[in-house]
Protein backbone atom coordinates (compact mmCIF):
# COMPACT_ATOMS: atom_id res chain seq x y z
CA MET A 1 16.37 -29.31 -22.53
CA ARG A 2 13.63 -28.34 -20.09
CA SER A 3 10.01 -28.33 -21.14
CA ALA A 4 7.72 -25.41 -20.34
CA HIS A 5 6.15 -27.46 -17.55
CA SER A 6 9.34 -28.59 -15.81
CA PRO A 7 10.05 -27.18 -12.37
CA PRO A 8 13.08 -24.91 -12.09
CA PRO A 9 16.31 -26.78 -11.30
CA HIS A 10 16.88 -24.84 -8.05
CA THR A 11 13.98 -23.74 -5.88
CA GLN A 12 14.80 -21.38 -3.02
CA ARG A 13 12.73 -21.54 0.11
CA VAL A 14 11.97 -18.15 1.62
CA THR A 15 12.93 -17.97 5.27
CA GLY A 16 11.99 -15.07 7.45
CA PRO A 17 9.18 -12.59 6.72
CA SER A 18 8.24 -11.80 3.13
CA ILE A 19 5.83 -8.99 2.23
CA ALA A 20 3.40 -9.07 -0.70
CA VAL A 21 1.25 -6.04 -1.57
CA SER A 22 -1.96 -6.32 -3.61
CA HIS A 23 -1.47 -2.95 -5.35
CA THR A 24 1.74 -1.04 -5.99
CA ARG A 25 -0.32 1.91 -7.23
CA LEU A 26 -3.71 3.03 -5.98
CA ASP A 27 -5.86 5.59 -7.81
CA LEU A 28 -8.16 7.40 -5.39
CA GLY A 29 -9.95 9.18 -8.23
CA GLU A 30 -10.84 12.83 -8.51
CA GLY A 31 -12.35 14.99 -5.84
CA ARG A 32 -13.64 18.44 -5.07
CA PRO A 33 -12.09 20.88 -2.59
CA GLY A 34 -12.66 19.74 1.01
CA GLU A 35 -13.49 16.12 0.10
CA GLN A 36 -11.71 13.11 1.57
CA LEU A 37 -10.65 10.38 -0.87
CA GLU A 38 -9.95 6.85 0.38
CA GLY A 39 -8.68 3.56 -1.00
CA SER A 40 -7.33 0.29 0.29
CA PHE A 41 -4.88 -2.48 -0.45
CA THR A 42 -3.85 -5.73 1.24
CA VAL A 43 -0.49 -6.62 2.76
CA THR A 44 0.28 -10.35 3.14
CA ASN A 45 3.12 -12.09 4.94
CA GLN A 46 4.23 -14.85 2.58
CA GLY A 47 7.25 -15.71 4.71
CA SER A 48 7.92 -18.24 7.43
CA GLU A 49 8.32 -15.76 10.33
CA PRO A 50 6.25 -12.82 11.67
CA LEU A 51 6.35 -9.62 9.61
CA GLU A 52 6.46 -6.31 11.46
CA PHE A 53 5.67 -3.29 9.30
CA THR A 54 5.29 0.43 9.76
CA LEU A 55 3.53 2.77 7.32
CA THR A 56 3.87 6.55 7.18
CA ALA A 57 1.91 9.12 5.20
CA SER A 58 3.70 11.80 3.17
CA CYS A 59 1.86 14.86 4.52
CA GLY A 60 -0.53 16.06 7.21
CA CYS A 61 -3.46 15.93 4.80
CA SER A 62 -3.09 12.17 4.28
CA PHE A 63 -3.58 9.17 6.56
CA VAL A 64 -2.96 5.44 6.63
CA ARG A 65 -4.62 2.85 8.91
CA PRO A 66 -3.28 0.81 10.57
CA MET A 67 0.12 2.49 10.77
CA ALA A 68 1.92 -0.53 12.25
CA ARG A 69 1.17 -4.19 12.65
CA THR A 70 2.75 -7.60 13.08
CA LEU A 71 1.47 -10.29 10.72
CA ALA A 72 1.93 -14.00 11.37
CA PRO A 73 3.06 -16.16 8.42
CA GLY A 74 0.24 -16.53 5.88
CA LYS A 75 -1.86 -13.71 7.39
CA SER A 76 -3.09 -10.56 5.61
CA GLN A 77 -4.10 -7.05 6.67
CA LEU A 78 -6.31 -4.58 4.81
CA ILE A 79 -4.66 -1.14 4.75
CA THR A 80 -6.78 1.99 4.23
CA LEU A 81 -5.24 5.22 3.06
CA GLY A 82 -6.71 8.56 2.22
CA ILE A 83 -6.18 12.22 1.65
CA ARG A 84 -8.24 15.29 2.50
CA LEU A 85 -8.29 17.77 -0.34
CA PRO A 86 -7.65 21.40 0.54
CA GLN A 87 -10.62 23.78 0.72
CA ALA A 88 -9.04 26.15 -1.80
CA ILE A 89 -7.08 25.14 -4.88
CA ASN A 90 -5.01 27.68 -6.79
CA SER A 91 -6.68 27.05 -10.13
CA GLU A 92 -9.49 29.07 -11.69
CA LYS A 93 -9.97 26.58 -14.55
CA SER A 94 -10.79 23.43 -12.62
CA THR A 95 -12.83 22.42 -9.58
CA ARG A 96 -11.47 18.83 -9.77
CA TRP A 97 -8.06 17.82 -8.40
CA ARG A 98 -5.98 14.64 -8.62
CA PRO A 99 -3.75 14.62 -5.52
CA ARG A 100 -0.80 12.36 -4.84
CA ALA A 101 0.15 10.94 -1.47
CA THR A 102 3.05 8.58 -0.90
CA THR A 103 3.00 5.80 1.65
CA ARG A 104 6.25 4.14 2.63
CA ALA A 105 6.49 0.74 4.24
CA SER A 106 9.41 -0.68 6.14
CA ARG A 107 9.90 -3.94 7.92
CA ARG A 108 11.74 -4.36 11.22
């Protein structure tokens, strides 16, 4: 019987690049028409080889910086993303809007 403090019987070593993301969800808050909302998260290469990644925004009103990068093992990169809210929103009841933008990451 293993105790709670025993190491696992089989430990796998990660070879190749391995991505870790500080946030899987990022709330940019509320904004008014015409405002730009921004947020950031960190991508880290926890693997043993360089990690190449590419990020794309879901629409023309959103952005992500940097869009591509190569990270050496153990290195991190701060990623900034944002969205510009439209000048006119089809709602007479509210002047606040909670937009959604999707960012996809892929490794090569």
